Amino acid sequence: MILFLVFDGVTKVIEIGPVLDACARLGIPTETVAGIGLTLLACTAVYAIPQTCVLGAILLTAYLGGAVAIHIRGGSGTFEIAFAIATGALVWVGLLLREPRLLWTILLRQ
């Protein structure tokens, strides 16, 4: 997940053509794409550090929730929306695989 998110962030920061086209279709101003990419890279870096991985997962969930909202607002298809949701779910699966004690903390919370 980390490699995929870094790749996605870098393509936004260097503003490659297909990314700018996709953002334009969704109504995202092209001058904000690099900032969105930097935000993704920062959240991914926080997620990659073991001491801050829970905070990173929360930040990435918020980022991907925004992606879902933009896709719904932009009239994207089901695949794009489901892909953003699945990516968020995989972020948490990756976190739980790295920190299995979190699963019991979440499940046994009363």
Protein backbone atom coordinates (compact mmCIF):
# COMPACT_ATOMS: atom_id res chain seq x y z
CA MET A 1 0.00 0.00 0.00
CA ILE A 2 2.80 2.38 0.85
CA LEU A 3 4.41 1.99 -2.57
CA PHE A 4 1.09 2.52 -4.34
CA LEU A 5 0.29 5.63 -2.30
CA VAL A 6 3.78 7.06 -2.88
CA PHE A 7 3.41 6.43 -6.61
CA ASP A 8 0.02 8.17 -6.61
CA GLY A 9 1.38 11.12 -4.65
CA VAL A 10 4.44 11.52 -6.87
CA THR A 11 2.34 11.47 -10.06
CA LYS A 12 0.31 14.32 -8.59
CA VAL A 13 3.36 16.32 -7.49
CA ILE A 14 5.06 16.07 -10.90
CA GLU A 15 1.69 16.80 -12.53
CA ILE A 16 1.70 14.23 -15.31
CA GLY A 17 -0.88 14.68 -18.06
CA PRO A 18 -3.33 11.86 -17.30
CA VAL A 19 -3.52 12.95 -13.65
CA LEU A 20 -4.26 16.54 -14.63
CA ASP A 21 -6.89 15.36 -17.12
CA ALA A 22 -8.59 13.18 -14.49
CA CYS A 23 -8.57 16.02 -11.98
CA ALA A 24 -10.02 18.43 -14.55
CA ARG A 25 -12.87 15.96 -15.25
CA LEU A 26 -13.62 15.89 -11.53
CA GLY A 27 -13.60 19.68 -11.26
CA ILE A 28 -10.37 19.92 -9.28
CA PRO A 29 -8.34 23.02 -10.25
CA THR A 30 -5.02 21.97 -11.79
CA GLU A 31 -3.07 24.39 -9.59
CA THR A 32 -4.11 22.39 -6.50
CA VAL A 33 -2.99 18.98 -7.76
CA ALA A 34 0.61 19.29 -6.50
CA GLY A 35 -0.64 20.28 -3.05
CA ILE A 36 -2.97 17.29 -3.00
CA GLY A 37 -0.03 15.06 -3.93
CA LEU A 38 2.14 16.54 -1.16
CA THR A 39 -0.66 15.96 1.32
CA LEU A 40 -0.89 12.33 0.24
CA LEU A 41 2.88 11.90 0.52
CA ALA A 42 2.89 13.44 4.01
CA CYS A 43 0.05 11.19 5.21
CA THR A 44 1.79 8.16 3.70
CA ALA A 45 5.06 9.06 5.43
CA VAL A 46 3.26 9.26 8.78
CA TYR A 47 1.66 5.87 8.03
CA ALA A 48 5.02 4.31 7.11
CA ILE A 49 6.67 5.23 10.42
CA PRO A 50 5.92 2.50 12.98
CA GLN A 51 5.52 4.93 15.90
CA THR A 52 2.91 7.02 14.04
CA CYS A 53 1.24 4.37 11.85
CA VAL A 54 -2.15 4.63 13.59
CA LEU A 55 -2.26 8.40 13.05
CA GLY A 56 -1.19 7.82 9.45
CA ALA A 57 -4.03 5.34 8.92
CA ILE A 58 -6.50 7.88 10.28
CA LEU A 59 -5.10 10.62 8.01
CA LEU A 60 -5.17 8.35 4.97
CA THR A 61 -8.76 7.37 5.78
CA ALA A 62 -9.71 11.04 5.80
CA TYR A 63 -7.82 11.66 2.55
CA LEU A 64 -9.49 8.71 0.83
CA GLY A 65 -12.88 9.75 2.20
CA GLY A 66 -12.35 13.03 0.40
CA ALA A 67 -11.49 11.10 -2.75
CA VAL A 68 -14.76 9.16 -2.45
CA ALA A 69 -16.68 12.42 -2.01
CA ILE A 70 -15.02 14.01 -5.05
CA HIS A 71 -15.76 10.95 -7.19
CA ILE A 72 -19.39 10.91 -6.12
CA ARG A 73 -19.73 14.65 -6.73
CA GLY A 74 -17.96 14.34 -10.10
CA GLY A 75 -20.25 11.56 -11.26
CA SER A 76 -17.54 8.92 -11.50
CA GLY A 77 -18.43 5.30 -12.00
CA THR A 78 -18.78 2.64 -9.37
CA PHE A 79 -15.24 1.35 -9.95
CA GLU A 80 -13.56 4.64 -9.03
CA ILE A 81 -15.62 4.99 -5.87
CA ALA A 82 -15.13 1.35 -4.85
CA PHE A 83 -11.38 1.61 -5.56
CA ALA A 84 -10.98 4.52 -3.13
CA ILE A 85 -12.98 2.65 -0.47
CA ALA A 86 -10.98 -0.55 -1.03
CA THR A 87 -7.72 1.38 -0.77
CA GLY A 88 -8.82 2.76 2.60
CA ALA A 89 -9.76 -0.72 3.77
CA LEU A 90 -6.37 -2.07 2.66
CA VAL A 91 -4.61 0.69 4.60
CA TRP A 92 -6.29 -0.62 7.76
CA VAL A 93 -5.61 -4.26 6.86
CA GLY A 94 -1.95 -3.36 6.44
CA LEU A 95 -1.97 -1.60 9.79
CA LEU A 96 -3.57 -4.59 11.52
CA LEU A 97 -1.04 -6.94 9.92
CA ARG A 98 1.81 -4.79 11.24
CA GLU A 99 0.22 -4.27 14.66
CA PRO A 100 -1.98 -7.28 15.46
CA ARG A 101 -2.59 -6.09 19.03
CA LEU A 102 -4.72 -3.26 17.57
CA LEU A 103 -7.28 -5.77 16.36
CA TRP A 104 -7.91 -6.96 19.90
CA THR A 105 -7.96 -3.39 21.16
CA ILE A 106 -10.63 -2.48 18.63
CA LEU A 107 -12.70 -5.66 19.04
CA LEU A 108 -12.61 -5.78 22.83
CA ARG A 109 -13.27 -2.10 23.41
CA GLN A 110 -16.20 -1.66 25.78
